[in-house]
Amino acid sequence: MKSANGNSPDITNLKPCDHQAFFEALESPSSPTEALRVAFLRQKESLGDPDANTSFPD
């Protein structure tokens, strides 16, 4: 459904330089940082995941 100004909330228009960076990141994602690993572990623990203490592969 389009909003009153004609823009769809499901479509994001990217500038050419942003488009390239976005798809390069999808194709070659960087390794997770320690802060991201900790955040995922904290989330798993809060959900009671039995694998919460499993380490991430590098």
PDB file of N, CA and C in Angstrom:
ATOM      1  N   MET A   1       0.843  -1.179   0.000  1.00  0.00           N
ATOM      2  CA  MET A   1       0.000   0.000   0.000  1.00  0.00           C
ATOM      3  C   MET A   1       0.883   1.235   0.000  1.00  0.00           C
ATOM      4  N   LYS A   2       0.570   2.171  -0.834  1.00  0.00           N
ATOM      5  CA  LYS A   2       1.346   3.398  -0.911  1.00  0.00           C
ATOM      6  C   LYS A   2       0.865   4.408   0.124  1.00  0.00           C
ATOM      7  N   SER A   3       1.818   5.175   0.610  1.00  0.00           N
ATOM      8  CA  SER A   3       1.455   6.224   1.551  1.00  0.00           C
ATOM      9  C   SER A   3       0.911   7.429   0.780  1.00  0.00           C
ATOM     10  N   ALA A   4       0.484   8.443   1.490  1.00  0.00           N
ATOM     11  CA  ALA A   4      -0.130   9.614   0.873  1.00  0.00           C
ATOM     12  C   ALA A   4       0.825  10.319  -0.093  1.00  0.00           C
ATOM     13  N   ASN A   5       2.142  10.259   0.177  1.00  0.00           N
ATOM     14  CA  ASN A   5       3.097  10.942  -0.703  1.00  0.00           C
ATOM     15  C   ASN A   5       3.549  10.056  -1.861  1.00  0.00           C
ATOM     16  N   GLY A   6       2.993   8.867  -2.002  1.00  0.00           N
ATOM     17  CA  GLY A   6       3.305   7.995  -3.120  1.00  0.00           C
ATOM     18  C   GLY A   6       4.465   7.049  -2.887  1.00  0.00           C
ATOM     19  N   ASN A   7       5.123   7.132  -1.746  1.00  0.00           N
ATOM     20  CA  ASN A   7       6.237   6.246  -1.436  1.00  0.00           C
ATOM     21  C   ASN A   7       5.743   5.010  -0.700  1.00  0.00           C
ATOM     22  N   SER A   8       6.231   3.857  -1.107  1.00  0.00           N
ATOM     23  CA  SER A   8       5.869   2.616  -0.441  1.00  0.00           C
ATOM     24  C   SER A   8       6.824   2.369   0.721  1.00  0.00           C
ATOM     25  N   PRO A   9       6.322   1.961   1.876  1.00  0.00           N
ATOM     26  CA  PRO A   9       7.210   1.658   3.007  1.00  0.00           C
ATOM     27  C   PRO A   9       8.038   0.395   2.751  1.00  0.00           C
ATOM     28  N   ASP A  10       7.697  -0.377   1.716  1.00  0.00           N
ATOM     29  CA  ASP A  10       8.412  -1.609   1.411  1.00  0.00           C
ATOM     30  C   ASP A  10       9.539  -1.408   0.413  1.00  0.00           C
ATOM     31  N   ILE A  11       9.706  -0.205  -0.083  1.00  0.00           N
ATOM     32  CA  ILE A  11      10.724   0.074  -1.092  1.00  0.00           C
ATOM     33  C   ILE A  11      11.695   1.114  -0.545  1.00  0.00           C
ATOM     34  N   THR A  12      12.980   0.797  -0.662  1.00  0.00           N
ATOM     35  CA  THR A  12      14.014   1.743  -0.275  1.00  0.00           C
ATOM     36  C   THR A  12      14.814   2.086  -1.517  1.00  0.00           C
ATOM     37  N   ASN A  13      14.853   3.342  -1.861  1.00  0.00           N
ATOM     38  CA  ASN A  13      15.620   3.785  -3.013  1.00  0.00           C
ATOM     39  C   ASN A  13      17.023   4.157  -2.558  1.00  0.00           C
ATOM     40  N   LEU A  14      18.023   3.585  -3.224  1.00  0.00           N
ATOM     41  CA  LEU A  14      19.408   3.846  -2.875  1.00  0.00           C
ATOM     42  C   LEU A  14      20.094   4.639  -3.975  1.00  0.00           C
ATOM     43  N   LYS A  15      21.004   5.506  -3.591  1.00  0.00           N
ATOM     44  CA  LYS A  15      21.856   6.192  -4.550  1.00  0.00           C
ATOM     45  C   LYS A  15      22.796   5.132  -5.127  1.00  0.00           C
ATOM     46  N   PRO A  16      23.323   5.347  -6.332  1.00  0.00           N
ATOM     47  CA  PRO A  16      24.203   4.339  -6.945  1.00  0.00           C
ATOM     48  C   PRO A  16      25.366   3.904  -6.049  1.00  0.00           C
ATOM     49  N   CYS A  17      26.012   4.839  -5.364  1.00  0.00           N
ATOM     50  CA  CYS A  17      27.137   4.454  -4.497  1.00  0.00           C
ATOM     51  C   CYS A  17      26.652   3.624  -3.312  1.00  0.00           C
ATOM     52  N   ASP A  18      25.476   3.933  -2.769  1.00  0.00           N
ATOM     53  CA  ASP A  18      24.920   3.159  -1.668  1.00  0.00           C
ATOM     54  C   ASP A  18      24.474   1.783  -2.147  1.00  0.00           C
ATOM     55  N   HIS A  19      23.925   1.725  -3.343  1.00  0.00           N
ATOM     56  CA  HIS A  19      23.483   0.467  -3.931  1.00  0.00           C
ATOM     57  C   HIS A  19      24.662  -0.499  -4.034  1.00  0.00           C
ATOM     58  N   GLN A  20      25.777  -0.014  -4.538  1.00  0.00           N
ATOM     59  CA  GLN A  20      26.970  -0.839  -4.694  1.00  0.00           C
ATOM     60  C   GLN A  20      27.471  -1.324  -3.332  1.00  0.00           C
ATOM     61  N   ALA A  21      27.576  -0.437  -2.368  1.00  0.00           N
ATOM     62  CA  ALA A  21      28.064  -0.810  -1.034  1.00  0.00           C
ATOM     63  C   ALA A  21      27.138  -1.819  -0.375  1.00  0.00           C
ATOM     64  N   PHE A  22      25.831  -1.641  -0.521  1.00  0.00           N
ATOM     65  CA  PHE A  22      24.854  -2.538   0.076  1.00  0.00           C
ATOM     66  C   PHE A  22      25.014  -3.960  -0.451  1.00  0.00           C
ATOM     67  N   PHE A  23      25.083  -4.098  -1.777  1.00  0.00           N
ATOM     68  CA  PHE A  23      25.171  -5.430  -2.350  1.00  0.00           C
ATOM     69  C   PHE A  23      26.546  -6.061  -2.162  1.00  0.00           C
ATOM     70  N   GLU A  24      27.595  -5.260  -2.086  1.00  0.00           N
ATOM     71  CA  GLU A  24      28.915  -5.811  -1.763  1.00  0.00           C
ATOM     72  C   GLU A  24      28.918  -6.375  -0.348  1.00  0.00           C
ATOM     73  N   ALA A  25      28.251  -5.688   0.581  1.00  0.00           N
ATOM     74  CA  ALA A  25      28.169  -6.170   1.961  1.00  0.00           C
ATOM     75  C   ALA A  25      27.366  -7.471   2.045  1.00  0.00           C
ATOM     76  N   LEU A  26      26.334  -7.607   1.226  1.00  0.00           N
ATOM     77  CA  LEU A  26      25.566  -8.859   1.205  1.00  0.00           C
ATOM     78  C   LEU A  26      26.392 -10.012   0.655  1.00  0.00           C
ATOM     79  N   GLU A  27      27.187  -9.724  -0.374  1.00  0.00           N
ATOM     80  CA  GLU A  27      27.982 -10.758  -1.006  1.00  0.00           C
ATOM     81  C   GLU A  27      29.194 -11.161  -0.174  1.00  0.00           C
ATOM     82  N   SER A  28      29.766 -10.236   0.566  1.00  0.00           N
ATOM     83  CA  SER A  28      30.965 -10.500   1.362  1.00  0.00           C
ATOM     84  C   SER A  28      30.815  -9.859   2.737  1.00  0.00           C
ATOM     85  N   PRO A  29      29.981 -10.437   3.588  1.00  0.00           N
ATOM     86  CA  PRO A  29      29.791  -9.829   4.906  1.00  0.00           C
ATOM     87  C   PRO A  29      31.065  -9.918   5.746  1.00  0.00           C
ATOM     88  N   SER A  30      31.282  -8.922   6.566  1.00  0.00           N
ATOM     89  CA  SER A  30      32.441  -8.933   7.444  1.00  0.00           C
ATOM     90  C   SER A  30      32.173  -9.873   8.626  1.00  0.00           C
ATOM     91  N   SER A  31      33.228 -10.256   9.313  1.00  0.00           N
ATOM     92  CA  SER A  31      33.095 -11.122  10.484  1.00  0.00           C
ATOM     93  C   SER A  31      32.412 -10.355  11.605  1.00  0.00           C
ATOM     94  N   PRO A  32      31.659 -11.046  12.456  1.00  0.00           N
ATOM     95  CA  PRO A  32      31.006 -10.352  13.567  1.00  0.00           C
ATOM     96  C   PRO A  32      32.036  -9.820  14.562  1.00  0.00           C
ATOM     97  N   THR A  33      31.758  -8.649  15.101  1.00  0.00           N
ATOM     98  CA  THR A  33      32.637  -8.065  16.114  1.00  0.00           C
ATOM     99  C   THR A  33      32.353  -8.742  17.452  1.00  0.00           C
ATOM    100  N   GLU A  34      33.231  -8.528  18.403  1.00  0.00           N
ATOM    101  CA  GLU A  34      33.037  -9.098  19.736  1.00  0.00           C
ATOM    102  C   GLU A  34      31.751  -8.556  20.362  1.00  0.00           C
ATOM    103  N   ALA A  35      31.450  -7.277  20.135  1.00  0.00           N
ATOM    104  CA  ALA A  35      30.223  -6.683  20.686  1.00  0.00           C
ATOM    105  C   ALA A  35      28.984  -7.369  20.103  1.00  0.00           C
ATOM    106  N   LEU A  36      29.016  -7.700  18.819  1.00  0.00           N
ATOM    107  CA  LEU A  36      27.882  -8.388  18.206  1.00  0.00           C
ATOM    108  C   LEU A  36      27.747  -9.803  18.757  1.00  0.00           C
ATOM    109  N   ARG A  37      28.863 -10.483  18.945  1.00  0.00           N
ATOM    110  CA  ARG A  37      28.830 -11.836  19.518  1.00  0.00           C
ATOM    111  C   ARG A  37      28.210 -11.809  20.914  1.00  0.00           C
ATOM    112  N   VAL A  38      28.620 -10.830  21.715  1.00  0.00           N
ATOM    113  CA  VAL A  38      28.091 -10.700  23.075  1.00  0.00           C
ATOM    114  C   VAL A  38      26.595 -10.405  23.036  1.00  0.00           C
ATOM    115  N   ALA A  39      26.171  -9.542  22.122  1.00  0.00           N
ATOM    116  CA  ALA A  39      24.753  -9.198  22.015  1.00  0.00           C
ATOM    117  C   ALA A  39      23.921 -10.423  21.634  1.00  0.00           C
ATOM    118  N   PHE A  40      24.417 -11.232  20.682  1.00  0.00           N
ATOM    119  CA  PHE A  40      23.688 -12.439  20.300  1.00  0.00           C
ATOM    120  C   PHE A  40      23.631 -13.438  21.451  1.00  0.00           C
ATOM    121  N   LEU A  41      24.725 -13.580  22.179  1.00  0.00           N
ATOM    122  CA  LEU A  41      24.745 -14.488  23.318  1.00  0.00           C
ATOM    123  C   LEU A  41      23.748 -14.028  24.382  1.00  0.00           C
ATOM    124  N   ARG A  42      23.731 -12.730  24.648  1.00  0.00           N
ATOM    125  CA  ARG A  42      22.797 -12.172  25.633  1.00  0.00           C
ATOM    126  C   ARG A  42      21.347 -12.436  25.201  1.00  0.00           C
ATOM    127  N   GLN A  43      21.059 -12.278  23.913  1.00  0.00           N
ATOM    128  CA  GLN A  43      19.716 -12.522  23.405  1.00  0.00           C
ATOM    129  C   GLN A  43      19.344 -13.998  23.551  1.00  0.00           C
ATOM    130  N   LYS A  44      20.269 -14.884  23.186  1.00  0.00           N
ATOM    131  CA  LYS A  44      20.005 -16.322  23.308  1.00  0.00           C
ATOM    132  C   LYS A  44      19.740 -16.696  24.763  1.00  0.00           C
ATOM    133  N   GLU A  45      20.543 -16.145  25.673  1.00  0.00           N
ATOM    134  CA  GLU A  45      20.362 -16.445  27.095  1.00  0.00           C
ATOM    135  C   GLU A  45      19.007 -15.947  27.584  1.00  0.00           C
ATOM    136  N   SER A  46      18.587 -14.774  27.121  1.00  0.00           N
ATOM    137  CA  SER A  46      17.309 -14.221  27.573  1.00  0.00           C
ATOM    138  C   SER A  46      16.135 -15.047  27.064  1.00  0.00           C
ATOM    139  N   LEU A  47      16.334 -15.764  25.959  1.00  0.00           N
ATOM    140  CA  LEU A  47      15.282 -16.620  25.410  1.00  0.00           C
ATOM    141  C   LEU A  47      15.337 -18.038  25.964  1.00  0.00           C
ATOM    142  N   GLY A  48      16.335 -18.298  26.809  1.00  0.00           N
ATOM    143  CA  GLY A  48      16.464 -19.624  27.395  1.00  0.00           C
ATOM    144  C   GLY A  48      16.978 -20.664  26.421  1.00  0.00           C
ATOM    145  N   ASP A  49      17.773 -20.249  25.465  1.00  0.00           N
ATOM    146  CA  ASP A  49      18.326 -21.154  24.458  1.00  0.00           C
ATOM    147  C   ASP A  49      19.363 -22.073  25.102  1.00  0.00           C
ATOM    148  N   PRO A  50      19.194 -23.411  25.000  1.00  0.00           N
ATOM    149  CA  PRO A  50      20.164 -24.332  25.601  1.00  0.00           C
ATOM    150  C   PRO A  50      21.539 -24.259  24.943  1.00  0.00           C
ATOM    151  N   ASP A  51      21.620 -23.716  23.731  1.00  0.00           N
ATOM    152  CA  ASP A  51      22.907 -23.582  23.044  1.00  0.00           C
ATOM    153  C   ASP A  51      23.537 -22.212  23.272  1.00  0.00           C
ATOM    154  N   ALA A  52      23.086 -21.489  24.253  1.00  0.00           N
ATOM    155  CA  ALA A  52      23.552 -20.114  24.472  1.00  0.00           C
ATOM    156  C   ALA A  52      25.040 -20.061  24.778  1.00  0.00           C
ATOM    157  N   ASN A  53      25.603 -21.125  25.322  1.00  0.00           N
ATOM    158  CA  ASN A  53      27.019 -21.102  25.655  1.00  0.00           C
ATOM    159  C   ASN A  53      27.883 -21.651  24.546  1.00  0.00           C
ATOM    160  N   THR A  54      27.282 -21.946  23.389  1.00  0.00           N
ATOM    161  CA  THR A  54      28.038 -22.436  22.247  1.00  0.00           C
ATOM    162  C   THR A  54      28.772 -21.279  21.597  1.00  0.00           C
ATOM    163  N   SER A  55      30.038 -21.473  21.279  1.00  0.00           N
ATOM    164  CA  SER A  55      30.811 -20.400  20.661  1.00  0.00           C
ATOM    165  C   SER A  55      30.480 -20.284  19.186  1.00  0.00           C
ATOM    166  N   PHE A  56      30.779 -19.126  18.631  1.00  0.00           N
ATOM    167  CA  PHE A  56      30.538 -18.848  17.214  1.00  0.00           C
ATOM    168  C   PHE A  56      31.712 -19.347  16.397  1.00  0.00           C
ATOM    169  N   PRO A  57      31.436 -19.870  15.211  1.00  0.00           N
ATOM    170  CA  PRO A  57      32.558 -20.222  14.334  1.00  0.00           C
ATOM    171  C   PRO A  57      33.180 -18.960  13.757  1.00  0.00           C
ATOM    172  N   ASP A  58      34.481 -18.995  13.482  1.00  0.00           N
ATOM    173  CA  ASP A  58      35.143 -17.827  12.881  1.00  0.00           C
ATOM    174  C   ASP A  58      35.206 -17.923  11.397  1.00  0.00           C
TER     175      ASP A  58
END
